[in-house]
Protein backbone atom coordinates (compact mmCIF):
# COMPACT_ATOMS: atom_id res chain seq x y z
CA UNK A 1 0.00 0.00 0.00
CA UNK A 2 2.80 2.42 0.90
CA UNK A 3 4.59 1.78 -2.39
CA UNK A 4 1.38 2.50 -4.30
CA UNK A 5 0.93 5.86 -2.53
CA UNK A 6 4.57 6.78 -3.16
CA UNK A 7 4.24 5.90 -6.85
CA UNK A 8 1.02 7.92 -7.11
CA UNK A 9 2.68 10.91 -5.48
CA UNK A 10 5.68 10.71 -7.83
CA UNK A 11 3.39 10.49 -10.87
CA UNK A 12 1.37 13.48 -9.66
CA UNK A 13 4.52 15.54 -9.17
CA UNK A 14 5.76 14.65 -12.64
CA UNK A 15 2.40 15.55 -14.15
CA UNK A 16 2.28 19.00 -12.56
CA UNK A 17 3.62 21.69 -14.89
CA UNK A 18 6.70 23.52 -13.64
CA UNK A 19 4.81 26.82 -13.76
CA UNK A 20 2.66 25.65 -10.85
CA UNK A 21 5.67 24.89 -8.67
CA UNK A 22 7.05 28.41 -8.32
CA UNK A 23 5.87 32.00 -8.29
CA UNK A 24 6.50 34.35 -11.23
CA UNK A 25 9.32 36.10 -9.37
CA UNK A 26 11.24 32.80 -9.24
CA UNK A 27 11.01 32.56 -13.01
CA UNK A 28 12.31 36.12 -13.47
CA UNK A 29 9.02 37.87 -14.30
CA UNK A 30 9.21 40.71 -11.81
CA UNK A 31 6.63 42.80 -13.65
CA UNK A 32 3.86 40.19 -13.80
CA UNK A 33 0.49 40.98 -12.17
CA UNK A 34 1.02 38.25 -9.54
CA UNK A 35 4.38 39.72 -8.52
CA UNK A 36 2.93 43.24 -8.33
CA UNK A 37 0.00 42.00 -6.24
CA UNK A 38 2.37 40.11 -3.94
CA UNK A 39 4.46 43.26 -3.40
CA UNK A 40 1.35 45.32 -2.65
CA UNK A 41 0.16 42.66 -0.19
CA UNK A 42 3.50 42.80 1.60
CA UNK A 43 3.27 46.59 1.85
CA UNK A 44 -0.27 46.40 3.26
CA UNK A 45 0.82 43.87 5.89
CA UNK A 46 3.78 46.08 6.83
CA UNK A 47 1.37 49.01 7.12
CA UNK A 48 -0.86 47.06 9.51
CA UNK A 49 2.12 46.04 11.64
CA UNK A 50 3.32 49.66 11.74
CA UNK A 51 -0.13 50.92 12.69
CA UNK A 52 -0.49 48.38 15.51
CA UNK A 53 2.97 49.24 16.87
CA UNK A 54 2.19 52.96 16.68
CA UNK A 55 -1.08 52.45 18.59
CA UNK A 56 0.75 50.35 21.17
CA UNK A 57 3.36 53.09 21.68
CA UNK A 58 0.66 55.79 21.81
CA UNK A 59 -1.19 53.84 24.51
CA UNK A 60 1.91 53.68 26.71
CA UNK A 61 2.61 57.38 26.15
CA UNK A 62 -0.99 58.06 27.23
CA UNK A 63 -0.48 55.96 30.37
CA UNK A 64 2.74 57.79 31.27
CA UNK A 65 1.14 61.20 30.75
CA UNK A 66 -1.92 60.21 32.76
CA UNK A 67 0.25 58.91 35.62
CA UNK A 68 2.24 62.15 35.64
CA UNK A 69 -0.98 64.19 35.69
CA UNK A 70 -2.35 62.21 38.63
CA UNK A 71 0.98 62.52 40.47
CA UNK A 72 1.01 66.31 39.94
CA UNK A 73 -2.59 66.58 41.11
CA UNK A 74 -1.85 64.56 44.24
CA UNK A 75 1.27 66.63 44.93
CA UNK A 76 -0.76 69.83 44.44
CA UNK A 77 -3.50 68.58 46.76
CA UNK A 78 -0.95 67.73 49.43
CA UNK A 79 0.71 71.12 49.06
CA UNK A 80 -2.64 72.93 49.20
CA UNK A 81 -3.76 70.89 52.18
CA UNK A 82 -0.47 71.49 54.03
CA UNK A 83 -0.55 75.21 53.24
CA UNK A 84 -4.13 75.43 54.51
CA UNK A 85 -3.12 73.66 57.70
CA UNK A 86 -0.22 76.04 58.27
CA UNK A 87 -2.42 79.05 57.60
CA UNK A 88 -5.01 77.87 60.08
CA UNK A 89 -2.29 77.36 62.69
CA UNK A 90 -1.07 80.89 62.11
CA UNK A 91 -4.50 82.36 62.72
CA UNK A 92 -5.02 80.21 65.79
CA UNK A 93 -1.88 81.59 67.41
CA UNK A 94 -2.95 85.20 67.05
PDB file of N, CA and C in Angstrom:
ATOM      1  N   UNK A   1       0.825  -1.194   0.000  1.00  0.00           N
ATOM      2  CA  UNK A   1       0.000   0.000   0.000  1.00  0.00           C
ATOM      3  C   UNK A   1       0.869   1.257   0.000  1.00  0.00           C
ATOM      4  N   UNK A   2       1.924   1.268   0.801  1.00  0.00           N
ATOM      5  CA  UNK A   2       2.802   2.425   0.895  1.00  0.00           C
ATOM      6  C   UNK A   2       3.516   2.678  -0.430  1.00  0.00           C
ATOM      7  N   UNK A   3       3.910   1.615  -1.104  1.00  0.00           N
ATOM      8  CA  UNK A   3       4.586   1.777  -2.393  1.00  0.00           C
ATOM      9  C   UNK A   3       3.636   2.365  -3.427  1.00  0.00           C
ATOM     10  N   UNK A   4       2.366   1.982  -3.357  1.00  0.00           N
ATOM     11  CA  UNK A   4       1.380   2.503  -4.301  1.00  0.00           C
ATOM     12  C   UNK A   4       1.162   3.995  -4.085  1.00  0.00           C
ATOM     13  N   UNK A   5       1.098   4.438  -2.823  1.00  0.00           N
ATOM     14  CA  UNK A   5       0.935   5.865  -2.531  1.00  0.00           C
ATOM     15  C   UNK A   5       2.159   6.668  -2.959  1.00  0.00           C
ATOM     16  N   UNK A   6       3.339   6.104  -2.749  1.00  0.00           N
ATOM     17  CA  UNK A   6       4.568   6.778  -3.163  1.00  0.00           C
ATOM     18  C   UNK A   6       4.605   6.917  -4.674  1.00  0.00           C
ATOM     19  N   UNK A   7       4.252   5.855  -5.388  1.00  0.00           N
ATOM     20  CA  UNK A   7       4.244   5.904  -6.850  1.00  0.00           C
ATOM     21  C   UNK A   7       3.215   6.913  -7.348  1.00  0.00           C
ATOM     22  N   UNK A   8       2.049   6.962  -6.716  1.00  0.00           N
ATOM     23  CA  UNK A   8       1.016   7.916  -7.107  1.00  0.00           C
ATOM     24  C   UNK A   8       1.494   9.349  -6.878  1.00  0.00           C
ATOM     25  N   UNK A   9       2.154   9.580  -5.783  1.00  0.00           N
ATOM     26  CA  UNK A   9       2.685  10.914  -5.479  1.00  0.00           C
ATOM     27  C   UNK A   9       3.735  11.323  -6.502  1.00  0.00           C
ATOM     28  N   UNK A  10       4.636  10.409  -6.851  1.00  0.00           N
ATOM     29  CA  UNK A  10       5.678  10.708  -7.829  1.00  0.00           C
ATOM     30  C   UNK A  10       5.053  11.013  -9.185  1.00  0.00           C
ATOM     31  N   UNK A  11       4.060  10.241  -9.592  1.00  0.00           N
ATOM     32  CA  UNK A  11       3.390  10.494 -10.872  1.00  0.00           C
ATOM     33  C   UNK A  11       2.658  11.836 -10.862  1.00  0.00           C
ATOM     34  N   UNK A  12       2.055  12.184  -9.758  1.00  0.00           N
ATOM     35  CA  UNK A  12       1.368  13.479  -9.665  1.00  0.00           C
ATOM     36  C   UNK A  12       2.368  14.622  -9.768  1.00  0.00           C
ATOM     37  N   UNK A  13       3.507  14.493  -9.120  1.00  0.00           N
ATOM     38  CA  UNK A  13       4.523  15.543  -9.166  1.00  0.00           C
ATOM     39  C   UNK A  13       5.110  15.681 -10.566  1.00  0.00           C
ATOM     40  N   UNK A  14       5.253  14.585 -11.280  1.00  0.00           N
ATOM     41  CA  UNK A  14       5.759  14.650 -12.642  1.00  0.00           C
ATOM     42  C   UNK A  14       4.720  15.231 -13.592  1.00  0.00           C
ATOM     43  N   UNK A  15       3.460  15.049 -13.291  1.00  0.00           N
ATOM     44  CA  UNK A  15       2.402  15.551 -14.147  1.00  0.00           C
ATOM     45  C   UNK A  15       2.097  17.023 -13.947  1.00  0.00           C
ATOM     46  N   UNK A  16       2.542  17.596 -12.848  1.00  0.00           N
ATOM     47  CA  UNK A  16       2.283  19.003 -12.564  1.00  0.00           C
ATOM     48  C   UNK A  16       3.237  19.851 -13.404  1.00  0.00           C
ATOM     49  N   UNK A  17       2.715  20.830 -14.103  1.00  0.00           N
ATOM     50  CA  UNK A  17       3.623  21.688 -14.885  1.00  0.00           C
ATOM     51  C   UNK A  17       4.541  22.482 -13.961  1.00  0.00           C
ATOM     52  N   UNK A  18       5.724  22.788 -14.455  1.00  0.00           N
ATOM     53  CA  UNK A  18       6.701  23.517 -13.635  1.00  0.00           C
ATOM     54  C   UNK A  18       6.213  24.919 -13.277  1.00  0.00           C
ATOM     55  N   UNK A  19       5.317  25.476 -14.067  1.00  0.00           N
ATOM     56  CA  UNK A  19       4.809  26.817 -13.760  1.00  0.00           C
ATOM     57  C   UNK A  19       4.004  26.828 -12.469  1.00  0.00           C
ATOM     58  N   UNK A  20       3.446  25.707 -12.074  1.00  0.00           N
ATOM     59  CA  UNK A  20       2.656  25.649 -10.850  1.00  0.00           C
ATOM     60  C   UNK A  20       3.526  25.441  -9.620  1.00  0.00           C
ATOM     61  N   UNK A  21       4.797  25.177  -9.800  1.00  0.00           N
ATOM     62  CA  UNK A  21       5.672  24.889  -8.667  1.00  0.00           C
ATOM     63  C   UNK A  21       6.365  26.120  -8.096  1.00  0.00           C
ATOM     64  N   UNK A  22       6.345  27.229  -8.815  1.00  0.00           N
ATOM     65  CA  UNK A  22       7.047  28.411  -8.322  1.00  0.00           C
ATOM     66  C   UNK A  22       6.273  29.661  -8.707  1.00  0.00           C
ATOM     67  N   UNK A  23       6.548  30.736  -8.010  1.00  0.00           N
ATOM     68  CA  UNK A  23       5.875  32.005  -8.293  1.00  0.00           C
ATOM     69  C   UNK A  23       6.555  32.677  -9.489  1.00  0.00           C
ATOM     70  N   UNK A  24       5.919  33.683 -10.074  1.00  0.00           N
ATOM     71  CA  UNK A  24       6.502  34.353 -11.234  1.00  0.00           C
ATOM     72  C   UNK A  24       7.845  35.010 -10.944  1.00  0.00           C
ATOM     73  N   UNK A  25       8.061  35.460  -9.705  1.00  0.00           N
ATOM     74  CA  UNK A  25       9.324  36.097  -9.371  1.00  0.00           C
ATOM     75  C   UNK A  25      10.470  35.101  -9.491  1.00  0.00           C
ATOM     76  N   UNK A  26      10.205  33.828  -9.139  1.00  0.00           N
ATOM     77  CA  UNK A  26      11.243  32.805  -9.235  1.00  0.00           C
ATOM     78  C   UNK A  26      11.628  32.541 -10.689  1.00  0.00           C
ATOM     79  N   UNK A  27      10.722  32.782 -11.603  1.00  0.00           N
ATOM     80  CA  UNK A  27      11.008  32.564 -13.014  1.00  0.00           C
ATOM     81  C   UNK A  27      11.556  33.822 -13.674  1.00  0.00           C
ATOM     82  N   UNK A  28      11.714  34.909 -12.933  1.00  0.00           N
ATOM     83  CA  UNK A  28      12.306  36.115 -13.467  1.00  0.00           C
ATOM     84  C   UNK A  28      11.308  37.099 -14.049  1.00  0.00           C
ATOM     85  N   UNK A  29      10.029  36.933 -13.794  1.00  0.00           N
ATOM     86  CA  UNK A  29       9.021  37.867 -14.295  1.00  0.00           C
ATOM     87  C   UNK A  29       8.621  38.819 -13.165  1.00  0.00           C
ATOM     88  N   UNK A  30       9.452  39.782 -12.921  1.00  0.00           N
ATOM     89  CA  UNK A  30       9.206  40.710 -11.809  1.00  0.00           C
ATOM     90  C   UNK A  30       8.054  41.661 -12.069  1.00  0.00           C
ATOM     91  N   UNK A  31       7.684  41.837 -13.327  1.00  0.00           N
ATOM     92  CA  UNK A  31       6.630  42.800 -13.646  1.00  0.00           C
ATOM     93  C   UNK A  31       5.284  42.126 -13.936  1.00  0.00           C
ATOM     94  N   UNK A  32       5.128  40.875 -13.569  1.00  0.00           N
ATOM     95  CA  UNK A  32       3.865  40.185 -13.804  1.00  0.00           C
ATOM     96  C   UNK A  32       2.820  40.665 -12.792  1.00  0.00           C
ATOM     97  N   UNK A  33       1.532  40.531 -13.113  1.00  0.00           N
ATOM     98  CA  UNK A  33       0.491  40.977 -12.170  1.00  0.00           C
ATOM     99  C   UNK A  33       0.555  40.249 -10.824  1.00  0.00           C
ATOM    100  N   UNK A  34       0.934  38.985 -10.821  1.00  0.00           N
ATOM    101  CA  UNK A  34       1.023  38.254  -9.545  1.00  0.00           C
ATOM    102  C   UNK A  34       2.142  38.812  -8.668  1.00  0.00           C
ATOM    103  N   UNK A  35       3.267  39.169  -9.281  1.00  0.00           N
ATOM    104  CA  UNK A  35       4.384  39.721  -8.519  1.00  0.00           C
ATOM    105  C   UNK A  35       4.030  41.099  -7.978  1.00  0.00           C
ATOM    106  N   UNK A  36       3.337  41.905  -8.776  1.00  0.00           N
ATOM    107  CA  UNK A  36       2.928  43.238  -8.329  1.00  0.00           C
ATOM    108  C   UNK A  36       1.928  43.124  -7.172  1.00  0.00           C
ATOM    109  N   UNK A  37       0.975  42.198  -7.309  1.00  0.00           N
ATOM    110  CA  UNK A  37      -0.004  41.998  -6.237  1.00  0.00           C
ATOM    111  C   UNK A  37       0.666  41.498  -4.964  1.00  0.00           C
ATOM    112  N   UNK A  38       1.655  40.624  -5.108  1.00  0.00           N
ATOM    113  CA  UNK A  38       2.368  40.113  -3.937  1.00  0.00           C
ATOM    114  C   UNK A  38       3.112  41.252  -3.233  1.00  0.00           C
ATOM    115  N   UNK A  39       3.750  42.120  -4.000  1.00  0.00           N
ATOM    116  CA  UNK A  39       4.464  43.258  -3.396  1.00  0.00           C
ATOM    117  C   UNK A  39       3.496  44.206  -2.693  1.00  0.00           C
ATOM    118  N   UNK A  40       2.343  44.451  -3.290  1.00  0.00           N
ATOM    119  CA  UNK A  40       1.355  45.319  -2.650  1.00  0.00           C
ATOM    120  C   UNK A  40       0.809  44.680  -1.375  1.00  0.00           C
ATOM    121  N   UNK A  41       0.614  43.368  -1.395  1.00  0.00           N
ATOM    122  CA  UNK A  41       0.165  42.665  -0.195  1.00  0.00           C
ATOM    123  C   UNK A  41       1.175  42.774   0.932  1.00  0.00           C
ATOM    124  N   UNK A  42       2.442  42.671   0.588  1.00  0.00           N
ATOM    125  CA  UNK A  42       3.499  42.803   1.601  1.00  0.00           C
ATOM    126  C   UNK A  42       3.484  44.205   2.196  1.00  0.00           C
ATOM    127  N   UNK A  43       3.313  45.219   1.350  1.00  0.00           N
ATOM    128  CA  UNK A  43       3.271  46.594   1.853  1.00  0.00           C
ATOM    129  C   UNK A  43       2.064  46.832   2.760  1.00  0.00           C
ATOM    130  N   UNK A  44       0.921  46.252   2.409  1.00  0.00           N
ATOM    131  CA  UNK A  44      -0.272  46.396   3.256  1.00  0.00           C
ATOM    132  C   UNK A  44      -0.040  45.740   4.616  1.00  0.00           C
ATOM    133  N   UNK A  45       0.545  44.548   4.608  1.00  0.00           N
ATOM    134  CA  UNK A  45       0.819  43.869   5.889  1.00  0.00           C
ATOM    135  C   UNK A  45       1.811  44.664   6.727  1.00  0.00           C
ATOM    136  N   UNK A  46       2.839  45.242   6.092  1.00  0.00           N
ATOM    137  CA  UNK A  46       3.776  46.082   6.833  1.00  0.00           C
ATOM    138  C   UNK A  46       3.079  47.318   7.389  1.00  0.00           C
ATOM    139  N   UNK A  47       2.136  47.862   6.628  1.00  0.00           N
ATOM    140  CA  UNK A  47       1.368  49.007   7.118  1.00  0.00           C
ATOM    141  C   UNK A  47       0.552  48.657   8.352  1.00  0.00           C
ATOM    142  N   UNK A  48      -0.089  47.480   8.341  1.00  0.00           N
ATOM    143  CA  UNK A  48      -0.861  47.055   9.513  1.00  0.00           C
ATOM    144  C   UNK A  48       0.043  46.862  10.725  1.00  0.00           C
ATOM    145  N   UNK A  49       1.195  46.252  10.521  1.00  0.00           N
ATOM    146  CA  UNK A  49       2.123  46.044  11.638  1.00  0.00           C
ATOM    147  C   UNK A  49       2.584  47.393  12.189  1.00  0.00           C
ATOM    148  N   UNK A  50       2.906  48.326  11.301  1.00  0.00           N
ATOM    149  CA  UNK A  50       3.324  49.658  11.742  1.00  0.00           C
ATOM    150  C   UNK A  50       2.228  50.380  12.500  1.00  0.00           C
ATOM    151  N   UNK A  51       0.989  50.256  12.020  1.00  0.00           N
ATOM    152  CA  UNK A  51      -0.135  50.916  12.693  1.00  0.00           C
ATOM    153  C   UNK A  51      -0.368  50.330  14.079  1.00  0.00           C
ATOM    154  N   UNK A  52      -0.288  49.017  14.204  1.00  0.00           N
ATOM    155  CA  UNK A  52      -0.487  48.381  15.506  1.00  0.00           C
ATOM    156  C   UNK A  52       0.628  48.791  16.474  1.00  0.00           C
ATOM    157  N   UNK A  53       1.864  48.819  15.998  1.00  0.00           N
ATOM    158  CA  UNK A  53       2.965  49.235  16.866  1.00  0.00           C
ATOM    159  C   UNK A  53       2.832  50.707  17.271  1.00  0.00           C
ATOM    160  N   UNK A  54       2.378  51.553  16.346  1.00  0.00           N
ATOM    161  CA  UNK A  54       2.187  52.965  16.679  1.00  0.00           C
ATOM    162  C   UNK A  54       1.084  53.129  17.724  1.00  0.00           C
ATOM    163  N   UNK A  55       0.001  52.388  17.587  1.00  0.00           N
ATOM    164  CA  UNK A  55      -1.078  52.448  18.589  1.00  0.00           C
ATOM    165  C   UNK A  55      -0.606  51.934  19.943  1.00  0.00           C
ATOM    166  N   UNK A  56       0.197  50.902  19.939  1.00  0.00           N
ATOM    167  CA  UNK A  56       0.749  50.353  21.175  1.00  0.00           C
ATOM    168  C   UNK A  56       1.624  51.394  21.871  1.00  0.00           C
ATOM    169  N   UNK A  57       2.484  52.058  21.110  1.00  0.00           N
ATOM    170  CA  UNK A  57       3.355  53.091  21.682  1.00  0.00           C
ATOM    171  C   UNK A  57       2.526  54.273  22.175  1.00  0.00           C
ATOM    172  N   UNK A  58       1.515  54.667  21.406  1.00  0.00           N
ATOM    173  CA  UNK A  58       0.662  55.788  21.809  1.00  0.00           C
ATOM    174  C   UNK A  58      -0.086  55.472  23.101  1.00  0.00           C
ATOM    175  N   UNK A  59      -0.505  54.225  23.278  1.00  0.00           N
ATOM    176  CA  UNK A  59      -1.188  53.843  24.508  1.00  0.00           C
ATOM    177  C   UNK A  59      -0.268  53.979  25.717  1.00  0.00           C
ATOM    178  N   UNK A  60       0.987  53.557  25.581  1.00  0.00           N
ATOM    179  CA  UNK A  60       1.910  53.682  26.709  1.00  0.00           C
ATOM    180  C   UNK A  60       2.275  55.131  26.974  1.00  0.00           C
ATOM    181  N   UNK A  61       2.369  55.943  25.945  1.00  0.00           N
ATOM    182  CA  UNK A  61       2.610  57.375  26.151  1.00  0.00           C
ATOM    183  C   UNK A  61       1.425  57.989  26.894  1.00  0.00           C
ATOM    184  N   UNK A  62       0.213  57.592  26.526  1.00  0.00           N
ATOM    185  CA  UNK A  62      -0.985  58.060  27.225  1.00  0.00           C
ATOM    186  C   UNK A  62      -0.939  57.653  28.698  1.00  0.00           C
ATOM    187  N   UNK A  63      -0.549  56.415  28.981  1.00  0.00           N
ATOM    188  CA  UNK A  63      -0.482  55.963  30.373  1.00  0.00           C
ATOM    189  C   UNK A  63       0.544  56.751  31.173  1.00  0.00           C
ATOM    190  N   UNK A  64       1.698  57.034  30.571  1.00  0.00           N
ATOM    191  CA  UNK A  64       2.740  57.793  31.275  1.00  0.00           C
ATOM    192  C   UNK A  64       2.258  59.210  31.551  1.00  0.00           C
ATOM    193  N   UNK A  65       1.645  59.845  30.550  1.00  0.00           N
ATOM    194  CA  UNK A  65       1.143  61.203  30.753  1.00  0.00           C
ATOM    195  C   UNK A  65       0.045  61.241  31.806  1.00  0.00           C
ATOM    196  N   UNK A  66      -0.827  60.260  31.782  1.00  0.00           N
ATOM    197  CA  UNK A  66      -1.921  60.207  32.765  1.00  0.00           C
ATOM    198  C   UNK A  66      -1.363  60.001  34.177  1.00  0.00           C
ATOM    199  N   UNK A  67      -0.362  59.137  34.310  1.00  0.00           N
ATOM    200  CA  UNK A  67       0.249  58.909  35.619  1.00  0.00           C
ATOM    201  C   UNK A  67       0.929  60.174  36.122  1.00  0.00           C
ATOM    202  N   UNK A  68       1.601  60.893  35.232  1.00  0.00           N
ATOM    203  CA  UNK A  68       2.240  62.146  35.639  1.00  0.00           C
ATOM    204  C   UNK A  68       1.206  63.178  36.058  1.00  0.00           C
ATOM    205  N   UNK A  69       0.089  63.250  35.348  1.00  0.00           N
ATOM    206  CA  UNK A  69      -0.978  64.190  35.692  1.00  0.00           C
ATOM    207  C   UNK A  69      -1.555  63.875  37.069  1.00  0.00           C
ATOM    208  N   UNK A  70      -1.802  62.609  37.332  1.00  0.00           N
ATOM    209  CA  UNK A  70      -2.345  62.208  38.630  1.00  0.00           C
ATOM    210  C   UNK A  70      -1.331  62.501  39.733  1.00  0.00           C
ATOM    211  N   UNK A  71      -0.052  62.249  39.466  1.00  0.00           N
ATOM    212  CA  UNK A  71       0.979  62.524  40.470  1.00  0.00           C
ATOM    213  C   UNK A  71       1.064  64.018  40.764  1.00  0.00           C
ATOM    214  N   UNK A  72       0.971  64.849  39.717  1.00  0.00           N
ATOM    215  CA  UNK A  72       1.006  66.305  39.936  1.00  0.00           C
ATOM    216  C   UNK A  72      -0.219  66.775  40.703  1.00  0.00           C
ATOM    217  N   UNK A  73      -1.377  66.193  40.396  1.00  0.00           N
ATOM    218  CA  UNK A  73      -2.593  66.584  41.107  1.00  0.00           C
ATOM    219  C   UNK A  73      -2.518  66.180  42.574  1.00  0.00           C
ATOM    220  N   UNK A  74      -1.993  64.990  42.849  1.00  0.00           N
ATOM    221  CA  UNK A  74      -1.852  64.561  44.244  1.00  0.00           C
ATOM    222  C   UNK A  74      -0.837  65.420  44.976  1.00  0.00           C
ATOM    223  N   UNK A  75       0.257  65.770  44.308  1.00  0.00           N
ATOM    224  CA  UNK A  75       1.268  66.627  44.934  1.00  0.00           C
ATOM    225  C   UNK A  75       0.686  68.016  45.181  1.00  0.00           C
ATOM    226  N   UNK A  76      -0.114  68.526  44.252  1.00  0.00           N
ATOM    227  CA  UNK A  76      -0.762  69.828  44.439  1.00  0.00           C
ATOM    228  C   UNK A  76      -1.777  69.788  45.557  1.00  0.00           C
ATOM    229  N   UNK A  77      -2.508  68.710  45.686  1.00  0.00           N
ATOM    230  CA  UNK A  77      -3.496  68.577  46.758  1.00  0.00           C
ATOM    231  C   UNK A  77      -2.806  68.504  48.101  1.00  0.00           C
ATOM    232  N   UNK A  78      -1.687  67.799  48.175  1.00  0.00           N
ATOM    233  CA  UNK A  78      -0.950  67.729  49.434  1.00  0.00           C
ATOM    234  C   UNK A  78      -0.373  69.085  49.795  1.00  0.00           C
ATOM    235  N   UNK A  79       0.143  69.790  48.797  1.00  0.00           N
ATOM    236  CA  UNK A  79       0.710  71.119  49.059  1.00  0.00           C
ATOM    237  C   UNK A  79      -0.390  72.078  49.497  1.00  0.00           C
ATOM    238  N   UNK A  80      -1.522  72.052  48.841  1.00  0.00           N
ATOM    239  CA  UNK A  80      -2.638  72.933  49.202  1.00  0.00           C
ATOM    240  C   UNK A  80      -3.154  72.593  50.590  1.00  0.00           C
ATOM    241  N   UNK A  81      -3.281  71.303  50.877  1.00  0.00           N
ATOM    242  CA  UNK A  81      -3.760  70.886  52.184  1.00  0.00           C
ATOM    243  C   UNK A  81      -2.773  71.292  53.272  1.00  0.00           C
ATOM    244  N   UNK A  82      -1.489  71.117  53.045  1.00  0.00           N
ATOM    245  CA  UNK A  82      -0.472  71.487  54.028  1.00  0.00           C
ATOM    246  C   UNK A  82      -0.443  72.998  54.215  1.00  0.00           C
ATOM    247  N   UNK A  83      -0.555  73.739  53.131  1.00  0.00           N
ATOM    248  CA  UNK A  83      -0.551  75.206  53.237  1.00  0.00           C
ATOM    249  C   UNK A  83      -1.781  75.682  54.005  1.00  0.00           C
ATOM    250  N   UNK A  84      -2.916  75.069  53.781  1.00  0.00           N
ATOM    251  CA  UNK A  84      -4.129  75.427  54.510  1.00  0.00           C
ATOM    252  C   UNK A  84      -3.985  75.126  55.980  1.00  0.00           C
ATOM    253  N   UNK A  85      -3.328  74.035  56.306  1.00  0.00           N
ATOM    254  CA  UNK A  85      -3.118  73.661  57.703  1.00  0.00           C
ATOM    255  C   UNK A  85      -2.214  74.674  58.386  1.00  0.00           C
ATOM    256  N   UNK A  86      -1.142  75.070  57.682  1.00  0.00           N
ATOM    257  CA  UNK A  86      -0.216  76.037  58.274  1.00  0.00           C
ATOM    258  C   UNK A  86      -0.902  77.403  58.428  1.00  0.00           C
ATOM    259  N   UNK A  87      -1.735  77.768  57.485  1.00  0.00           N
ATOM    260  CA  UNK A  87      -2.420  79.048  57.598  1.00  0.00           C
ATOM    261  C   UNK A  87      -3.399  79.037  58.764  1.00  0.00           C
ATOM    262  N   UNK A  88      -4.059  77.930  58.971  1.00  0.00           N
ATOM    263  CA  UNK A  88      -5.007  77.869  60.081  1.00  0.00           C
ATOM    264  C   UNK A  88      -4.274  77.874  61.421  1.00  0.00           C
ATOM    265  N   UNK A  89      -3.079  77.297  61.457  1.00  0.00           N
ATOM    266  CA  UNK A  89      -2.289  77.358  62.687  1.00  0.00           C
ATOM    267  C   UNK A  89      -1.881  78.792  62.991  1.00  0.00           C
ATOM    268  N   UNK A  90      -1.502  79.505  61.932  1.00  0.00           N
ATOM    269  CA  UNK A  90      -1.070  80.891  62.112  1.00  0.00           C
ATOM    270  C   UNK A  90      -2.172  81.755  62.653  1.00  0.00           C
ATOM    271  N   UNK A  91      -3.387  81.550  62.220  1.00  0.00           N
ATOM    272  CA  UNK A  91      -4.499  82.360  62.718  1.00  0.00           C
ATOM    273  C   UNK A  91      -4.891  81.937  64.119  1.00  0.00           C
ATOM    274  N   UNK A  92      -4.659  80.676  64.457  1.00  0.00           N
ATOM    275  CA  UNK A  92      -5.024  80.214  65.786  1.00  0.00           C
ATOM    276  C   UNK A  92      -4.058  80.784  66.837  1.00  0.00           C
ATOM    277  N   UNK A  93      -2.853  81.074  66.443  1.00  0.00           N
ATOM    278  CA  UNK A  93      -1.883  81.589  67.406  1.00  0.00           C
ATOM    279  C   UNK A  93      -2.084  83.075  67.697  1.00  0.00           C
ATOM    280  N   UNK A  94      -2.768  83.757  66.852  1.00  0.00           N
ATOM    281  CA  UNK A  94      -2.953  85.201  67.051  1.00  0.00           C
ATOM    282  C   UNK A  94      -3.784  85.412  68.221  1.00  0.00           C
TER     283      UNK A  94
END
